[in-house]
Amino acid sequence: MISQLLAEGAIVHHSELPIPGILFGVIAFVSFLALGLVTMSYRDVANRHSHKTAGTKASH
């Protein structure tokens, strides 16, 4: 009786993934690529408005 209870407790219930496993990696890669593009789009923004910072630059 005890061995039967232990055997029933050892049963693992497997659940299916909603999408294939490789797509989780693809989604993560595309997400990081999109975030990288957003980050790169802000490069050199401060230099576009040099008239605002012209007086604060140190002259050497």
PDB file of N, CA and C in Angstrom:
ATOM      1  N   MET A   1       0.824  -1.184   0.000  1.00  0.00           N
ATOM      2  CA  MET A   1       0.000   0.000   0.000  1.00  0.00           C
ATOM      3  C   MET A   1       0.874   1.255   0.000  1.00  0.00           C
ATOM      4  N   ILE A   2       1.908   1.288   0.831  1.00  0.00           N
ATOM      5  CA  ILE A   2       2.777   2.466   0.880  1.00  0.00           C
ATOM      6  C   ILE A   2       3.510   2.626  -0.444  1.00  0.00           C
ATOM      7  N   SER A   3       3.964   1.536  -1.042  1.00  0.00           N
ATOM      8  CA  SER A   3       4.690   1.627  -2.313  1.00  0.00           C
ATOM      9  C   SER A   3       3.770   2.148  -3.422  1.00  0.00           C
ATOM     10  N   GLN A   4       2.490   1.805  -3.349  1.00  0.00           N
ATOM     11  CA  GLN A   4       1.541   2.294  -4.340  1.00  0.00           C
ATOM     12  C   GLN A   4       1.353   3.809  -4.179  1.00  0.00           C
ATOM     13  N   LEU A   5       1.277   4.316  -2.966  1.00  0.00           N
ATOM     14  CA  LEU A   5       1.145   5.761  -2.733  1.00  0.00           C
ATOM     15  C   LEU A   5       2.395   6.506  -3.197  1.00  0.00           C
ATOM     16  N   LEU A   6       3.560   5.907  -2.955  1.00  0.00           N
ATOM     17  CA  LEU A   6       4.802   6.535  -3.405  1.00  0.00           C
ATOM     18  C   LEU A   6       4.873   6.561  -4.934  1.00  0.00           C
ATOM     19  N   ALA A   7       4.428   5.505  -5.578  1.00  0.00           N
ATOM     20  CA  ALA A   7       4.456   5.443  -7.036  1.00  0.00           C
ATOM     21  C   ALA A   7       3.501   6.465  -7.628  1.00  0.00           C
ATOM     22  N   GLU A   8       2.354   6.665  -7.021  1.00  0.00           N
ATOM     23  CA  GLU A   8       1.406   7.652  -7.526  1.00  0.00           C
ATOM     24  C   GLU A   8       1.937   9.075  -7.315  1.00  0.00           C
ATOM     25  N   GLY A   9       2.679   9.295  -6.249  1.00  0.00           N
ATOM     26  CA  GLY A   9       3.247  10.606  -5.980  1.00  0.00           C
ATOM     27  C   GLY A   9       4.408  10.937  -6.904  1.00  0.00           C
ATOM     28  N   ALA A  10       5.040   9.916  -7.486  1.00  0.00           N
ATOM     29  CA  ALA A  10       6.185  10.128  -8.357  1.00  0.00           C
ATOM     30  C   ALA A  10       5.772  10.442  -9.792  1.00  0.00           C
ATOM     31  N   ILE A  11       4.510  10.354 -10.087  1.00  0.00           N
ATOM     32  CA  ILE A  11       4.047  10.639 -11.443  1.00  0.00           C
ATOM     33  C   ILE A  11       4.171  12.129 -11.703  1.00  0.00           C
ATOM     34  N   VAL A  12       4.823  12.462 -12.793  1.00  0.00           N
ATOM     35  CA  VAL A  12       5.022  13.860 -13.166  1.00  0.00           C
ATOM     36  C   VAL A  12       4.022  14.190 -14.269  1.00  0.00           C
ATOM     37  N   HIS A  13       3.278  15.247 -14.032  1.00  0.00           N
ATOM     38  CA  HIS A  13       2.305  15.664 -15.027  1.00  0.00           C
ATOM     39  C   HIS A  13       2.982  16.619 -15.989  1.00  0.00           C
ATOM     40  N   HIS A  14       3.009  16.236 -17.244  1.00  0.00           N
ATOM     41  CA  HIS A  14       3.683  17.019 -18.276  1.00  0.00           C
ATOM     42  C   HIS A  14       2.668  17.937 -18.950  1.00  0.00           C
ATOM     43  N   SER A  15       3.040  19.193 -19.092  1.00  0.00           N
ATOM     44  CA  SER A  15       2.157  20.118 -19.796  1.00  0.00           C
ATOM     45  C   SER A  15       2.842  20.573 -21.075  1.00  0.00           C
ATOM     46  N   GLU A  16       2.081  20.740 -22.100  1.00  0.00           N
ATOM     47  CA  GLU A  16       2.609  21.155 -23.393  1.00  0.00           C
ATOM     48  C   GLU A  16       2.861  22.657 -23.407  1.00  0.00           C
ATOM     49  N   LEU A  17       3.890  23.063 -24.124  1.00  0.00           N
ATOM     50  CA  LEU A  17       4.167  24.476 -24.305  1.00  0.00           C
ATOM     51  C   LEU A  17       3.191  25.052 -25.332  1.00  0.00           C
ATOM     52  N   PRO A  18       2.817  26.309 -25.189  1.00  0.00           N
ATOM     53  CA  PRO A  18       1.878  26.892 -26.149  1.00  0.00           C
ATOM     54  C   PRO A  18       2.481  27.080 -27.537  1.00  0.00           C
ATOM     55  N   ILE A  19       3.817  27.234 -27.612  1.00  0.00           N
ATOM     56  CA  ILE A  19       4.517  27.344 -28.895  1.00  0.00           C
ATOM     57  C   ILE A  19       5.754  26.464 -28.822  1.00  0.00           C
ATOM     58  N   PRO A  20       6.331  26.111 -29.964  1.00  0.00           N
ATOM     59  CA  PRO A  20       7.554  25.303 -29.927  1.00  0.00           C
ATOM     60  C   PRO A  20       8.674  26.022 -29.162  1.00  0.00           C
ATOM     61  N   GLY A  21       9.542  25.278 -28.531  1.00  0.00           N
ATOM     62  CA  GLY A  21      10.576  25.834 -27.669  1.00  0.00           C
ATOM     63  C   GLY A  21      11.520  26.794 -28.372  1.00  0.00           C
ATOM     64  N   ILE A  22      11.854  26.534 -29.620  1.00  0.00           N
ATOM     65  CA  ILE A  22      12.792  27.389 -30.343  1.00  0.00           C
ATOM     66  C   ILE A  22      12.221  28.789 -30.545  1.00  0.00           C
ATOM     67  N   LEU A  23      10.916  28.917 -30.588  1.00  0.00           N
ATOM     68  CA  LEU A  23      10.317  30.236 -30.795  1.00  0.00           C
ATOM     69  C   LEU A  23      10.499  31.151 -29.588  1.00  0.00           C
ATOM     70  N   PHE A  24      10.667  30.594 -28.405  1.00  0.00           N
ATOM     71  CA  PHE A  24      10.956  31.429 -27.238  1.00  0.00           C
ATOM     72  C   PHE A  24      12.293  32.144 -27.432  1.00  0.00           C
ATOM     73  N   GLY A  25      13.277  31.442 -27.950  1.00  0.00           N
ATOM     74  CA  GLY A  25      14.568  32.056 -28.241  1.00  0.00           C
ATOM     75  C   GLY A  25      14.484  33.089 -29.341  1.00  0.00           C
ATOM     76  N   VAL A  26      13.700  32.788 -30.378  1.00  0.00           N
ATOM     77  CA  VAL A  26      13.532  33.736 -31.487  1.00  0.00           C
ATOM     78  C   VAL A  26      12.846  35.007 -30.996  1.00  0.00           C
ATOM     79  N   ILE A  27      11.836  34.864 -30.170  1.00  0.00           N
ATOM     80  CA  ILE A  27      11.126  36.026 -29.634  1.00  0.00           C
ATOM     81  C   ILE A  27      12.066  36.865 -28.763  1.00  0.00           C
ATOM     82  N   ALA A  28      12.873  36.212 -27.940  1.00  0.00           N
ATOM     83  CA  ALA A  28      13.829  36.942 -27.099  1.00  0.00           C
ATOM     84  C   ALA A  28      14.858  37.669 -27.955  1.00  0.00           C
ATOM     85  N   PHE A  29      15.355  37.008 -29.003  1.00  0.00           N
ATOM     86  CA  PHE A  29      16.347  37.632 -29.884  1.00  0.00           C
ATOM     87  C   PHE A  29      15.767  38.849 -30.588  1.00  0.00           C
ATOM     88  N   VAL A  30      14.565  38.734 -31.111  1.00  0.00           N
ATOM     89  CA  VAL A  30      13.921  39.859 -31.796  1.00  0.00           C
ATOM     90  C   VAL A  30      13.650  40.996 -30.812  1.00  0.00           C
ATOM     91  N   SER A  31      13.253  40.664 -29.595  1.00  0.00           N
ATOM     92  CA  SER A  31      13.003  41.698 -28.593  1.00  0.00           C
ATOM     93  C   SER A  31      14.279  42.463 -28.261  1.00  0.00           C
ATOM     94  N   PHE A  32      15.383  41.754 -28.035  1.00  0.00           N
ATOM     95  CA  PHE A  32      16.644  42.423 -27.730  1.00  0.00           C
ATOM     96  C   PHE A  32      17.163  43.209 -28.926  1.00  0.00           C
ATOM     97  N   LEU A  33      16.933  42.707 -30.128  1.00  0.00           N
ATOM     98  CA  LEU A  33      17.330  43.443 -31.325  1.00  0.00           C
ATOM     99  C   LEU A  33      16.543  44.748 -31.437  1.00  0.00           C
ATOM    100  N   ALA A  34      15.253  44.703 -31.168  1.00  0.00           N
ATOM    101  CA  ALA A  34      14.429  45.910 -31.213  1.00  0.00           C
ATOM    102  C   ALA A  34      14.865  46.902 -30.141  1.00  0.00           C
ATOM    103  N   LEU A  35      15.151  46.420 -28.931  1.00  0.00           N
ATOM    104  CA  LEU A  35      15.623  47.314 -27.874  1.00  0.00           C
ATOM    105  C   LEU A  35      16.983  47.911 -28.223  1.00  0.00           C
ATOM    106  N   GLY A  36      17.833  47.145 -28.868  1.00  0.00           N
ATOM    107  CA  GLY A  36      19.128  47.662 -29.305  1.00  0.00           C
ATOM    108  C   GLY A  36      18.971  48.745 -30.361  1.00  0.00           C
ATOM    109  N   LEU A  37      18.029  48.561 -31.274  1.00  0.00           N
ATOM    110  CA  LEU A  37      17.781  49.585 -32.293  1.00  0.00           C
ATOM    111  C   LEU A  37      17.244  50.869 -31.679  1.00  0.00           C
ATOM    112  N   VAL A  38      16.383  50.743 -30.680  1.00  0.00           N
ATOM    113  CA  VAL A  38      15.875  51.930 -29.991  1.00  0.00           C
ATOM    114  C   VAL A  38      17.020  52.643 -29.285  1.00  0.00           C
ATOM    115  N   THR A  39      17.894  51.883 -28.648  1.00  0.00           N
ATOM    116  CA  THR A  39      19.034  52.482 -27.961  1.00  0.00           C
ATOM    117  C   THR A  39      19.962  53.174 -28.949  1.00  0.00           C
ATOM    118  N   MET A  40      20.222  52.540 -30.085  1.00  0.00           N
ATOM    119  CA  MET A  40      21.104  53.136 -31.080  1.00  0.00           C
ATOM    120  C   MET A  40      20.495  54.379 -31.713  1.00  0.00           C
ATOM    121  N   SER A  41      19.188  54.481 -31.716  1.00  0.00           N
ATOM    122  CA  SER A  41      18.553  55.648 -32.320  1.00  0.00           C
ATOM    123  C   SER A  41      18.778  56.908 -31.499  1.00  0.00           C
ATOM    124  N   TYR A  42      19.168  56.770 -30.238  1.00  0.00           N
ATOM    125  CA  TYR A  42      19.427  57.921 -29.382  1.00  0.00           C
ATOM    126  C   TYR A  42      20.892  58.343 -29.383  1.00  0.00           C
ATOM    127  N   ARG A  43      21.719  57.720 -30.226  1.00  0.00           N
ATOM    128  CA  ARG A  43      23.124  58.104 -30.304  1.00  0.00           C
ATOM    129  C   ARG A  43      23.246  59.509 -30.869  1.00  0.00           C
ATOM    130  N   ASP A  44      24.127  60.254 -30.329  1.00  0.00           N
ATOM    131  CA  ASP A  44      24.481  61.570 -30.835  1.00  0.00           C
ATOM    132  C   ASP A  44      23.335  62.580 -30.797  1.00  0.00           C
ATOM    133  N   VAL A  45      22.354  62.364 -29.953  1.00  0.00           N
ATOM    134  CA  VAL A  45      21.235  63.301 -29.851  1.00  0.00           C
ATOM    135  C   VAL A  45      21.701  64.624 -29.261  1.00  0.00           C
ATOM    136  N   ALA A  46      22.613  64.586 -28.306  1.00  0.00           N
ATOM    137  CA  ALA A  46      23.088  65.826 -27.678  1.00  0.00           C
ATOM    138  C   ALA A  46      23.816  66.706 -28.689  1.00  0.00           C
ATOM    139  N   ASN A  47      24.492  66.114 -29.645  1.00  0.00           N
ATOM    140  CA  ASN A  47      25.233  66.907 -30.623  1.00  0.00           C
ATOM    141  C   ASN A  47      24.333  67.538 -31.671  1.00  0.00           C
ATOM    142  N   ARG A  48      23.114  67.139 -31.770  1.00  0.00           N
ATOM    143  CA  ARG A  48      22.183  67.749 -32.719  1.00  0.00           C
ATOM    144  C   ARG A  48      21.783  69.146 -32.282  1.00  0.00           C
ATOM    145  N   HIS A  49      21.910  69.424 -31.000  1.00  0.00           N
ATOM    146  CA  HIS A  49      21.499  70.707 -30.457  1.00  0.00           C
ATOM    147  C   HIS A  49      22.705  71.394 -29.835  1.00  0.00           C
ATOM    148  N   SER A  50      23.732  71.608 -30.637  1.00  0.00           N
ATOM    149  CA  SER A  50      24.958  72.174 -30.098  1.00  0.00           C
ATOM    150  C   SER A  50      24.790  73.623 -29.667  1.00  0.00           C
ATOM    151  N   HIS A  51      23.806  74.340 -30.213  1.00  0.00           N
ATOM    152  CA  HIS A  51      23.598  75.727 -29.820  1.00  0.00           C
ATOM    153  C   HIS A  51      23.163  75.850 -28.360  1.00  0.00           C
ATOM    154  N   LYS A  52      22.605  74.804 -27.806  1.00  0.00           N
ATOM    155  CA  LYS A  52      22.170  74.841 -26.410  1.00  0.00           C
ATOM    156  C   LYS A  52      23.343  74.647 -25.454  1.00  0.00           C
ATOM    157  N   THR A  53      24.382  73.979 -25.889  1.00  0.00           N
ATOM    158  CA  THR A  53      25.507  73.701 -24.999  1.00  0.00           C
ATOM    159  C   THR A  53      26.773  74.450 -25.411  1.00  0.00           C
ATOM    160  N   ALA A  54      26.677  75.379 -26.353  1.00  0.00           N
ATOM    161  CA  ALA A  54      27.861  76.089 -26.848  1.00  0.00           C
ATOM    162  C   ALA A  54      28.525  76.912 -25.755  1.00  0.00           C
ATOM    163  N   GLY A  55      27.778  77.507 -24.855  1.00  0.00           N
ATOM    164  CA  GLY A  55      28.360  78.350 -23.811  1.00  0.00           C
ATOM    165  C   GLY A  55      28.975  77.589 -22.670  1.00  0.00           C
ATOM    166  N   THR A  56      28.660  76.324 -22.529  1.00  0.00           N
ATOM    167  CA  THR A  56      29.153  75.552 -21.383  1.00  0.00           C
ATOM    168  C   THR A  56      30.407  74.761 -21.692  1.00  0.00           C
ATOM    169  N   LYS A  57      30.853  74.736 -22.931  1.00  0.00           N
ATOM    170  CA  LYS A  57      32.049  73.973 -23.276  1.00  0.00           C
ATOM    171  C   LYS A  57      33.282  74.700 -22.751  1.00  0.00           C
ATOM    172  N   ALA A  58      34.184  73.929 -22.215  1.00  0.00           N
ATOM    173  CA  ALA A  58      35.430  74.505 -21.702  1.00  0.00           C
ATOM    174  C   ALA A  58      36.360  74.779 -22.873  1.00  0.00           C
ATOM    175  N   SER A  59      36.946  75.927 -22.906  1.00  0.00           N
ATOM    176  CA  SER A  59      37.891  76.242 -23.983  1.00  0.00           C
ATOM    177  C   SER A  59      39.302  76.012 -23.476  1.00  0.00           C
ATOM    178  N   HIS A  60      40.029  75.198 -24.199  1.00  0.00           N
ATOM    179  CA  HIS A  60      41.395  74.855 -23.803  1.00  0.00           C
ATOM    180  C   HIS A  60      42.353  75.421 -24.790  1.00  0.00           C
TER     181      HIS A  60
END
